[in-house]
Amino acid sequence: MQESVILLLNKDRGISSNKAANKVKYLLGANKAGHLGTLDVLGEGLLPITLNKATKLFDYFLGKNKEYETIFKFGQTSPTLDLEGPLSNEDSTLDLSTEDVIKILPLFIGKHQQMPPQYSAKKVNGQKAYNLARKGQDVSLKPKLIEIYKLELINKIEKNTFQFRVSCSSGTFIRSLCRDMASKLSTCGVMQRIIRTKCGKFNLEDAFTIQEIENGNYKLINPDVIFDEKRLDIDEVQYKNLCNGVMISCLKGDYKVYYKNQFLGIGHANEENKLKLSLRLF
């Protein structure tokens, strides 16, 4: 397979994002594979997989918004803030009502400085924080500015256990949100489940499982769908110039560039009306 395309994977829990990407690479016979935003091993749902030269899209997709459905249990926690770590003893005296939880939700809407979990992929002196934490070393992390657009209570599942829908900026840790919400409720918390339902323009309902891909039931997406720039169709001479690194004439602006209906990449034309490709996918 030589096409530079995107496949929307519905990732199962229990597999890392990198392993999932490599599995898709193997199944489709691609030369390269990557993904557009890590899901934790215990995370499920939408994971856009990039194949061949579409792996160059990572930086262009980095800031896209995400949506999750998640289950938090209050009154219990773990070092990892999810079920990967050993759970603490449950607070048997805690009995939160739906009203208790609804009251604190507005506190988390908007921009906030959020502290990442100690067990995270954040780099500390060139090493991933979770590797240091597992060695018992102190992990000095810095808070990051994130934004939560919507935070909805979907359902109370059982005592102190609630399901939420979260729409947020890239870089938001849902485990940290669980920790911080628990703090406002004067208790602790653990994330029991997380499913990513949206990632930029992509939706989980359009994604395919590994089993469906193995059975040949999947669709590939042209990378041009993630860009909003104007379309620019070029002729053969212009195409050859771009192939040789020569700028072509075009009105100032940013463009999705096509030749014979093939998406070549993203081009930028400068003040002198000269365009070159800032992203090349051919």
C-alpha atoms as a PDB file:
ATOM      1  CA  MET A   1       0.000   0.000   0.000  1.00  0.00           C
ATOM      2  CA  GLN A   2       1.528   3.314  -1.123  1.00  0.00           C
ATOM      3  CA  GLU A   3      -1.325   5.757  -0.471  1.00  0.00           C
ATOM      4  CA  SER A   4      -0.856   8.507   2.108  1.00  0.00           C
ATOM      5  CA  VAL A   5      -4.167   8.284   3.945  1.00  0.00           C
ATOM      6  CA  ILE A   6      -5.918   8.295   7.322  1.00  0.00           C
ATOM      7  CA  LEU A   7      -7.835   5.408   8.871  1.00  0.00           C
ATOM      8  CA  LEU A   8     -10.101   5.961  11.874  1.00  0.00           C
ATOM      9  CA  LEU A   9      -9.499   3.182  14.384  1.00  0.00           C
ATOM     10  CA  ASN A  10     -11.855   2.278  17.220  1.00  0.00           C
ATOM     11  CA  LYS A  11      -9.116   1.247  19.645  1.00  0.00           C
ATOM     12  CA  ASP A  12      -9.722  -1.461  22.217  1.00  0.00           C
ATOM     13  CA  ARG A  13      -8.545  -0.998  25.792  1.00  0.00           C
ATOM     14  CA  GLY A  14      -5.406  -2.903  26.754  1.00  0.00           C
ATOM     15  CA  ILE A  15      -3.283  -1.915  23.750  1.00  0.00           C
ATOM     16  CA  SER A  16      -1.015   1.105  23.407  1.00  0.00           C
ATOM     17  CA  SER A  17      -1.592   3.655  20.651  1.00  0.00           C
ATOM     18  CA  ASN A  18       1.760   2.805  19.045  1.00  0.00           C
ATOM     19  CA  LYS A  19       0.991  -0.909  18.987  1.00  0.00           C
ATOM     20  CA  ALA A  20      -2.427  -0.182  17.507  1.00  0.00           C
ATOM     21  CA  ALA A  21      -0.834   1.929  14.748  1.00  0.00           C
ATOM     22  CA  ASN A  22       1.693  -0.805  13.987  1.00  0.00           C
ATOM     23  CA  LYS A  23      -1.104  -3.392  13.821  1.00  0.00           C
ATOM     24  CA  VAL A  24      -2.942  -1.293  11.223  1.00  0.00           C
ATOM     25  CA  LYS A  25       0.333  -0.805   9.331  1.00  0.00           C
ATOM     26  CA  TYR A  26       0.804  -4.572   9.158  1.00  0.00           C
ATOM     27  CA  LEU A  27      -2.793  -5.306   8.152  1.00  0.00           C
ATOM     28  CA  LEU A  28      -2.784  -2.747   5.330  1.00  0.00           C
ATOM     29  CA  GLY A  29       0.791  -3.332   4.187  1.00  0.00           C
ATOM     30  CA  ALA A  30       1.799   0.307   4.660  1.00  0.00           C
ATOM     31  CA  ASN A  31       5.405   1.488   4.801  1.00  0.00           C
ATOM     32  CA  LYS A  32       4.875   3.798   7.782  1.00  0.00           C
ATOM     33  CA  ALA A  33       2.174   4.404  10.363  1.00  0.00           C
ATOM     34  CA  GLY A  34       1.525   6.873  13.139  1.00  0.00           C
ATOM     35  CA  HIS A  35      -1.397   8.287  15.076  1.00  0.00           C
ATOM     36  CA  LEU A  36      -2.919  11.701  15.742  1.00  0.00           C
ATOM     37  CA  GLY A  37      -3.060  11.874  19.526  1.00  0.00           C
ATOM     38  CA  THR A  38      -2.189   9.227  22.110  1.00  0.00           C
ATOM     39  CA  LEU A  39      -4.848   7.246  23.947  1.00  0.00           C
ATOM     40  CA  ASP A  40      -3.736   5.597  27.193  1.00  0.00           C
ATOM     41  CA  VAL A  41      -3.458   1.806  27.201  1.00  0.00           C
ATOM     42  CA  LEU A  42      -6.714   1.635  29.176  1.00  0.00           C
ATOM     43  CA  GLY A  43      -8.330   4.189  26.866  1.00  0.00           C
ATOM     44  CA  GLU A  44     -10.804   3.196  24.170  1.00  0.00           C
ATOM     45  CA  GLY A  45     -12.337   4.794  21.127  1.00  0.00           C
ATOM     46  CA  LEU A  46     -11.286   7.073  18.334  1.00  0.00           C
ATOM     47  CA  LEU A  47      -7.637   6.936  17.279  1.00  0.00           C
ATOM     48  CA  PRO A  48      -6.892   8.425  13.828  1.00  0.00           C
ATOM     49  CA  ILE A  49      -4.106   6.382  12.214  1.00  0.00           C
ATOM     50  CA  THR A  50      -1.893   8.007   9.576  1.00  0.00           C
ATOM     51  CA  LEU A  51      -0.291   5.873   6.887  1.00  0.00           C
ATOM     52  CA  ASN A  52       2.795   6.462   4.748  1.00  0.00           C
ATOM     53  CA  LYS A  53       3.504  10.188   4.174  1.00  0.00           C
ATOM     54  CA  ALA A  54       0.332  11.143   6.038  1.00  0.00           C
ATOM     55  CA  THR A  55       2.415  10.593   9.187  1.00  0.00           C
ATOM     56  CA  LYS A  56       3.654  14.147   8.525  1.00  0.00           C
ATOM     57  CA  LEU A  57       0.242  15.404   9.662  1.00  0.00           C
ATOM     58  CA  PHE A  58       1.007  15.029  13.379  1.00  0.00           C
ATOM     59  CA  ASP A  59       2.092  18.637  13.966  1.00  0.00           C
ATOM     60  CA  TYR A  60      -0.870  19.969  11.966  1.00  0.00           C
ATOM     61  CA  PHE A  61      -3.319  17.967  14.066  1.00  0.00           C
ATOM     62  CA  LEU A  62      -1.687  18.500  17.452  1.00  0.00           C
ATOM     63  CA  GLY A  63      -3.987  21.256  18.677  1.00  0.00           C
ATOM     64  CA  LYS A  64      -7.322  19.741  17.660  1.00  0.00           C
ATOM     65  CA  ASN A  65     -10.089  19.556  20.265  1.00  0.00           C
ATOM     66  CA  LYS A  66     -11.209  16.249  21.760  1.00  0.00           C
ATOM     67  CA  GLU A  67     -14.373  14.798  23.285  1.00  0.00           C
ATOM     68  CA  TYR A  68     -14.535  11.929  25.753  1.00  0.00           C
ATOM     69  CA  GLU A  69     -17.039   9.869  27.689  1.00  0.00           C
ATOM     70  CA  THR A  70     -15.599   8.810  31.011  1.00  0.00           C
ATOM     71  CA  ILE A  71     -16.532   7.175  34.304  1.00  0.00           C
ATOM     72  CA  PHE A  72     -15.219   8.560  37.608  1.00  0.00           C
ATOM     73  CA  LYS A  73     -15.516   6.849  40.967  1.00  0.00           C
ATOM     74  CA  PHE A  74     -15.141   9.144  43.959  1.00  0.00           C
ATOM     75  CA  GLY A  75     -13.923   8.042  47.379  1.00  0.00           C
ATOM     76  CA  GLN A  76     -11.204   5.819  45.944  1.00  0.00           C
ATOM     77  CA  THR A  77      -8.020   6.457  43.965  1.00  0.00           C
ATOM     78  CA  SER A  78      -4.729   4.991  42.738  1.00  0.00           C
ATOM     79  CA  PRO A  79      -1.210   6.364  42.104  1.00  0.00           C
ATOM     80  CA  THR A  80      -1.966   6.429  38.347  1.00  0.00           C
ATOM     81  CA  LEU A  81      -5.447   7.961  38.890  1.00  0.00           C
ATOM     82  CA  ASP A  82      -6.933   5.073  36.881  1.00  0.00           C
ATOM     83  CA  LEU A  83      -7.325   1.305  37.201  1.00  0.00           C
ATOM     84  CA  GLU A  84      -3.750   0.611  36.114  1.00  0.00           C
ATOM     85  CA  GLY A  85      -2.440   1.274  39.608  1.00  0.00           C
ATOM     86  CA  PRO A  86      -3.352  -0.359  42.945  1.00  0.00           C
ATOM     87  CA  LEU A  87      -6.575   1.054  44.390  1.00  0.00           C
ATOM     88  CA  SER A  88      -6.812   2.618  47.820  1.00  0.00           C
ATOM     89  CA  ASN A  89      -9.368   1.484  50.345  1.00  0.00           C
ATOM     90  CA  GLU A  90     -12.783   2.878  49.522  1.00  0.00           C
ATOM     91  CA  ASP A  91     -14.317   5.555  51.757  1.00  0.00           C
ATOM     92  CA  SER A  92     -17.428   3.723  52.932  1.00  0.00           C
ATOM     93  CA  THR A  93     -18.885   6.880  54.507  1.00  0.00           C
ATOM     94  CA  LEU A  94     -18.995   8.829  51.235  1.00  0.00           C
ATOM     95  CA  ASP A  95     -22.366   9.040  49.508  1.00  0.00           C
ATOM     96  CA  LEU A  96     -22.436  11.736  46.816  1.00  0.00           C
ATOM     97  CA  SER A  97     -25.678  12.788  45.225  1.00  0.00           C
ATOM     98  CA  THR A  98     -26.203  13.853  41.631  1.00  0.00           C
ATOM     99  CA  GLU A  99     -26.820  17.379  42.948  1.00  0.00           C
ATOM    100  CA  ASP A 100     -23.454  17.370  44.764  1.00  0.00           C
ATOM    101  CA  VAL A 101     -21.664  16.640  41.504  1.00  0.00           C
ATOM    102  CA  ILE A 102     -23.695  19.010  39.314  1.00  0.00           C
ATOM    103  CA  LYS A 103     -22.858  21.926  41.644  1.00  0.00           C
ATOM    104  CA  ILE A 104     -19.115  21.713  40.955  1.00  0.00           C
ATOM    105  CA  LEU A 105     -19.250  21.265  37.165  1.00  0.00           C
ATOM    106  CA  PRO A 106     -19.279  25.020  36.326  1.00  0.00           C
ATOM    107  CA  LEU A 107     -16.003  25.415  38.256  1.00  0.00           C
ATOM    108  CA  PHE A 108     -14.180  23.497  35.534  1.00  0.00           C
ATOM    109  CA  ILE A 109     -15.559  25.212  32.435  1.00  0.00           C
ATOM    110  CA  GLY A 110     -13.075  27.518  30.718  1.00  0.00           C
ATOM    111  CA  LYS A 111      -9.288  27.851  30.798  1.00  0.00           C
ATOM    112  CA  HIS A 112      -7.326  26.407  33.703  1.00  0.00           C
ATOM    113  CA  GLN A 113      -3.787  25.523  34.681  1.00  0.00           C
ATOM    114  CA  GLN A 114      -3.930  21.742  34.983  1.00  0.00           C
ATOM    115  CA  MET A 115      -1.263  19.609  36.664  1.00  0.00           C
ATOM    116  CA  PRO A 116      -0.524  16.433  34.653  1.00  0.00           C
ATOM    117  CA  PRO A 117      -0.630  13.071  36.461  1.00  0.00           C
ATOM    118  CA  GLN A 118       2.624  11.803  37.957  1.00  0.00           C
ATOM    119  CA  TYR A 119       2.180   8.718  35.790  1.00  0.00           C
ATOM    120  CA  SER A 120       2.064  10.356  32.372  1.00  0.00           C
ATOM    121  CA  ALA A 121       4.100  10.537  29.177  1.00  0.00           C
ATOM    122  CA  LYS A 122       5.246  14.078  29.979  1.00  0.00           C
ATOM    123  CA  LYS A 123       9.016  14.443  29.627  1.00  0.00           C
ATOM    124  CA  VAL A 124      11.134  15.326  32.700  1.00  0.00           C
ATOM    125  CA  ASN A 125      14.813  15.858  31.892  1.00  0.00           C
ATOM    126  CA  GLY A 126      14.379  13.802  28.744  1.00  0.00           C
ATOM    127  CA  GLN A 127      12.607  10.909  30.470  1.00  0.00           C
ATOM    128  CA  LYS A 128       8.912  10.067  30.559  1.00  0.00           C
ATOM    129  CA  ALA A 129       7.333  10.912  33.908  1.00  0.00           C
ATOM    130  CA  TYR A 130       5.760   7.463  34.329  1.00  0.00           C
ATOM    131  CA  ASN A 131       9.163   5.764  34.049  1.00  0.00           C
ATOM    132  CA  LEU A 132      10.550   7.953  36.839  1.00  0.00           C
ATOM    133  CA  ALA A 133       7.431   7.475  38.983  1.00  0.00           C
ATOM    134  CA  ARG A 134       7.629   3.696  38.636  1.00  0.00           C
ATOM    135  CA  LYS A 135      11.207   3.855  39.931  1.00  0.00           C
ATOM    136  CA  GLY A 136       9.986   5.734  42.993  1.00  0.00           C
ATOM    137  CA  GLN A 137      11.692   8.964  41.950  1.00  0.00           C
ATOM    138  CA  ASP A 138      10.197  12.395  42.541  1.00  0.00           C
ATOM    139  CA  VAL A 139       8.580  13.776  39.406  1.00  0.00           C
ATOM    140  CA  SER A 140       8.550  17.554  39.107  1.00  0.00           C
ATOM    141  CA  LEU A 141       5.895  18.462  36.566  1.00  0.00           C
ATOM    142  CA  LYS A 142       4.630  21.882  35.567  1.00  0.00           C
ATOM    143  CA  PRO A 143       0.956  22.781  35.113  1.00  0.00           C
ATOM    144  CA  LYS A 144      -0.295  23.356  31.586  1.00  0.00           C
ATOM    145  CA  LEU A 145      -2.988  25.718  30.340  1.00  0.00           C
ATOM    146  CA  ILE A 146      -5.972  23.698  29.085  1.00  0.00           C
ATOM    147  CA  GLU A 147      -9.564  24.555  28.292  1.00  0.00           C
ATOM    148  CA  ILE A 148     -12.748  22.635  28.985  1.00  0.00           C
ATOM    149  CA  TYR A 149     -15.620  23.677  26.733  1.00  0.00           C
ATOM    150  CA  LYS A 150     -18.330  21.380  28.077  1.00  0.00           C
ATOM    151  CA  LEU A 151     -18.563  19.100  31.094  1.00  0.00           C
ATOM    152  CA  GLU A 152     -21.822  17.185  31.359  1.00  0.00           C
ATOM    153  CA  LEU A 153     -23.064  14.609  33.833  1.00  0.00           C
ATOM    154  CA  ILE A 154     -24.601  11.804  31.784  1.00  0.00           C
ATOM    155  CA  ASN A 155     -25.590   9.337  34.440  1.00  0.00           C
ATOM    156  CA  LYS A 156     -25.107   8.170  38.022  1.00  0.00           C
ATOM    157  CA  ILE A 157     -24.102   4.535  37.577  1.00  0.00           C
ATOM    158  CA  GLU A 158     -23.946   3.460  41.205  1.00  0.00           C
ATOM    159  CA  LYS A 159     -22.942   4.845  44.573  1.00  0.00           C
ATOM    160  CA  ASN A 160     -20.255   7.549  44.070  1.00  0.00           C
ATOM    161  CA  THR A 161     -19.769   6.472  40.447  1.00  0.00           C
ATOM    162  CA  PHE A 162     -20.729   8.870  37.650  1.00  0.00           C
ATOM    163  CA  GLN A 163     -20.487   9.029  33.860  1.00  0.00           C
ATOM    164  CA  PHE A 164     -19.480  12.301  32.184  1.00  0.00           C
ATOM    165  CA  ARG A 165     -19.035  13.788  28.736  1.00  0.00           C
ATOM    166  CA  VAL A 166     -16.042  16.132  28.382  1.00  0.00           C
ATOM    167  CA  SER A 167     -15.273  18.437  25.456  1.00  0.00           C
ATOM    168  CA  CYS A 168     -11.809  19.913  25.854  1.00  0.00           C
ATOM    169  CA  SER A 169      -8.643  21.260  24.286  1.00  0.00           C
ATOM    170  CA  SER A 170      -5.772  19.080  23.205  1.00  0.00           C
ATOM    171  CA  GLY A 171      -3.444  18.231  26.079  1.00  0.00           C
ATOM    172  CA  THR A 172      -6.171  17.893  28.697  1.00  0.00           C
ATOM    173  CA  PHE A 173      -5.698  14.942  31.066  1.00  0.00           C
ATOM    174  CA  ILE A 174      -9.055  13.415  31.960  1.00  0.00           C
ATOM    175  CA  ARG A 175      -7.426  11.584  34.880  1.00  0.00           C
ATOM    176  CA  SER A 176      -6.327  14.954  36.253  1.00  0.00           C
ATOM    177  CA  LEU A 177      -9.857  16.268  35.818  1.00  0.00           C
ATOM    178  CA  CYS A 178     -11.092  13.353  37.939  1.00  0.00           C
ATOM    179  CA  ARG A 179      -8.523  14.181  40.631  1.00  0.00           C
ATOM    180  CA  ASP A 180      -9.426  17.887  40.622  1.00  0.00           C
ATOM    181  CA  MET A 181     -13.183  17.287  40.674  1.00  0.00           C
ATOM    182  CA  ALA A 182     -12.720  14.913  43.603  1.00  0.00           C
ATOM    183  CA  SER A 183     -10.763  17.595  45.443  1.00  0.00           C
ATOM    184  CA  LYS A 184     -13.692  20.016  45.078  1.00  0.00           C
ATOM    185  CA  LEU A 185     -15.906  17.287  46.538  1.00  0.00           C
ATOM    186  CA  SER A 186     -13.498  16.918  49.500  1.00  0.00           C
ATOM    187  CA  THR A 187     -12.536  13.381  48.547  1.00  0.00           C
ATOM    188  CA  CYS A 188     -10.364  11.470  46.079  1.00  0.00           C
ATOM    189  CA  GLY A 189     -11.225   9.883  42.749  1.00  0.00           C
ATOM    190  CA  VAL A 190     -10.223   7.334  40.146  1.00  0.00           C
ATOM    191  CA  MET A 191     -11.001   7.185  36.431  1.00  0.00           C
ATOM    192  CA  GLN A 192     -12.578   3.808  35.707  1.00  0.00           C
ATOM    193  CA  ARG A 193     -13.108   4.161  31.964  1.00  0.00           C
ATOM    194  CA  ILE A 194     -12.428   6.591  29.131  1.00  0.00           C
ATOM    195  CA  ILE A 195     -13.695   6.530  25.550  1.00  0.00           C
ATOM    196  CA  ARG A 196     -12.655   9.162  22.993  1.00  0.00           C
ATOM    197  CA  THR A 197     -15.665  10.016  20.844  1.00  0.00           C
ATOM    198  CA  LYS A 198     -14.351  12.981  18.830  1.00  0.00           C
ATOM    199  CA  CYS A 199     -10.957  14.181  17.629  1.00  0.00           C
ATOM    200  CA  GLY A 200     -10.942  17.339  15.517  1.00  0.00           C
ATOM    201  CA  LYS A 201     -13.411  16.743  12.672  1.00  0.00           C
ATOM    202  CA  PHE A 202     -13.467  12.975  13.213  1.00  0.00           C
ATOM    203  CA  ASN A 203     -16.134  10.993  15.085  1.00  0.00           C
ATOM    204  CA  LEU A 204     -16.065   7.576  16.728  1.00  0.00           C
ATOM    205  CA  GLU A 205     -19.157   6.470  14.787  1.00  0.00           C
ATOM    206  CA  ASP A 206     -17.023   6.535  11.620  1.00  0.00           C
ATOM    207  CA  ALA A 207     -14.198   4.409  13.097  1.00  0.00           C
ATOM    208  CA  PHE A 208     -13.423   0.723  12.542  1.00  0.00           C
ATOM    209  CA  THR A 209     -12.240  -1.976  14.940  1.00  0.00           C
ATOM    210  CA  ILE A 210      -9.183  -4.129  14.339  1.00  0.00           C
ATOM    211  CA  GLN A 211     -11.534  -7.052  13.668  1.00  0.00           C
ATOM    212  CA  GLU A 212     -13.381  -5.089  10.967  1.00  0.00           C
ATOM    213  CA  ILE A 213     -10.092  -4.095   9.343  1.00  0.00           C
ATOM    214  CA  GLU A 214      -8.942  -7.729   9.368  1.00  0.00           C
ATOM    215  CA  ASN A 215     -12.152  -8.597   7.538  1.00  0.00           C
ATOM    216  CA  GLY A 216     -11.601  -5.868   4.937  1.00  0.00           C
ATOM    217  CA  ASN A 217     -14.427  -3.704   6.283  1.00  0.00           C
ATOM    218  CA  TYR A 218     -12.935  -0.203   6.460  1.00  0.00           C
ATOM    219  CA  LYS A 219     -12.644   3.101   4.618  1.00  0.00           C
ATOM    220  CA  LEU A 220      -9.606   5.269   4.029  1.00  0.00           C
ATOM    221  CA  ILE A 221      -9.709   9.055   4.298  1.00  0.00           C
ATOM    222  CA  ASN A 222      -7.828  11.562   2.175  1.00  0.00           C
ATOM    223  CA  PRO A 223      -5.728  13.847   4.427  1.00  0.00           C
ATOM    224  CA  ASP A 224      -7.139  16.987   2.767  1.00  0.00           C
ATOM    225  CA  VAL A 225     -10.299  16.715   4.907  1.00  0.00           C
ATOM    226  CA  ILE A 226      -8.504  18.049   8.002  1.00  0.00           C
ATOM    227  CA  PHE A 227      -7.604  21.343   6.303  1.00  0.00           C
ATOM    228  CA  ASP A 228      -9.818  24.374   5.702  1.00  0.00           C
ATOM    229  CA  GLU A 229      -7.606  26.242   3.237  1.00  0.00           C
ATOM    230  CA  LYS A 230      -8.774  27.209  -0.248  1.00  0.00           C
ATOM    231  CA  ARG A 231      -8.276  24.725  -3.075  1.00  0.00           C
ATOM    232  CA  LEU A 232      -5.611  25.383  -5.721  1.00  0.00           C
ATOM    233  CA  ASP A 233      -5.375  23.190  -8.838  1.00  0.00           C
ATOM    234  CA  ILE A 234      -2.051  23.410 -10.658  1.00  0.00           C
ATOM    235  CA  ASP A 235      -0.950  22.400 -14.159  1.00  0.00           C
ATOM    236  CA  GLU A 236       1.825  20.064 -15.248  1.00  0.00           C
ATOM    237  CA  VAL A 237       4.505  22.767 -15.476  1.00  0.00           C
ATOM    238  CA  GLN A 238       3.702  24.014 -11.969  1.00  0.00           C
ATOM    239  CA  TYR A 239       3.692  20.454 -10.692  1.00  0.00           C
ATOM    240  CA  LYS A 240       7.163  19.792 -12.076  1.00  0.00           C
ATOM    241  CA  ASN A 241       8.414  23.033 -10.549  1.00  0.00           C
ATOM    242  CA  LEU A 242       7.119  22.071  -7.108  1.00  0.00           C
ATOM    243  CA  CYS A 243       8.681  18.620  -7.480  1.00  0.00           C
ATOM    244  CA  ASN A 244      12.023  20.315  -8.085  1.00  0.00           C
ATOM    245  CA  GLY A 245      11.619  22.744  -5.187  1.00  0.00           C
ATOM    246  CA  VAL A 246      10.851  25.740  -7.428  1.00  0.00           C
ATOM    247  CA  MET A 247       8.249  28.208  -6.177  1.00  0.00           C
ATOM    248  CA  ILE A 248       5.217  28.870  -8.375  1.00  0.00           C
ATOM    249  CA  SER A 249       3.191  32.053  -8.912  1.00  0.00           C
ATOM    250  CA  CYS A 250       0.005  32.391  -6.896  1.00  0.00           C
ATOM    251  CA  LEU A 251      -1.923  35.075  -5.022  1.00  0.00           C
ATOM    252  CA  LYS A 252      -0.842  35.466  -1.404  1.00  0.00           C
ATOM    253  CA  GLY A 253      -2.501  33.001   0.974  1.00  0.00           C
ATOM    254  CA  ASP A 254      -2.651  29.417   2.155  1.00  0.00           C
ATOM    255  CA  TYR A 255      -3.912  26.649  -0.126  1.00  0.00           C
ATOM    256  CA  LYS A 256      -4.701  22.986  -0.431  1.00  0.00           C
ATOM    257  CA  VAL A 257      -2.743  22.128  -3.587  1.00  0.00           C
ATOM    258  CA  TYR A 258      -3.941  19.540  -6.133  1.00  0.00           C
ATOM    259  CA  TYR A 259      -2.609  18.125  -9.394  1.00  0.00           C
ATOM    260  CA  LYS A 260      -4.954  16.008 -11.495  1.00  0.00           C
ATOM    261  CA  ASN A 261      -7.251  15.859  -8.469  1.00  0.00           C
ATOM    262  CA  GLN A 262      -4.478  14.406  -6.267  1.00  0.00           C
ATOM    263  CA  PHE A 263      -3.905  16.229  -2.982  1.00  0.00           C
ATOM    264  CA  LEU A 264      -0.250  17.239  -2.886  1.00  0.00           C
ATOM    265  CA  GLY A 265      -0.135  19.119   0.389  1.00  0.00           C
ATOM    266  CA  ILE A 266      -0.437  22.581   1.902  1.00  0.00           C
ATOM    267  CA  GLY A 267       1.135  25.584   0.194  1.00  0.00           C
ATOM    268  CA  HIS A 268       1.806  29.137   1.350  1.00  0.00           C
ATOM    269  CA  ALA A 269       2.143  32.061  -1.060  1.00  0.00           C
ATOM    270  CA  ASN A 270       4.176  34.973   0.299  1.00  0.00           C
ATOM    271  CA  GLU A 271       4.003  38.750  -0.172  1.00  0.00           C
ATOM    272  CA  GLU A 272       5.670  38.326  -3.571  1.00  0.00           C
ATOM    273  CA  ASN A 273       2.917  35.918  -4.670  1.00  0.00           C
ATOM    274  CA  LYS A 274       5.299  32.977  -4.723  1.00  0.00           C
ATOM    275  CA  LEU A 275       4.071  29.667  -3.354  1.00  0.00           C
ATOM    276  CA  LYS A 276       5.969  26.739  -1.923  1.00  0.00           C
ATOM    277  CA  LEU A 277       4.701  23.663  -0.106  1.00  0.00           C
ATOM    278  CA  SER A 278       4.895  23.771   3.686  1.00  0.00           C
ATOM    279  CA  LEU A 279       3.526  20.208   3.831  1.00  0.00           C
ATOM    280  CA  ARG A 280       4.352  17.775   1.025  1.00  0.00           C
ATOM    281  CA  LEU A 281       2.522  14.441   0.772  1.00  0.00           C
ATOM    282  CA  PHE A 282       3.823  13.113  -2.549  1.00  0.00           C
END
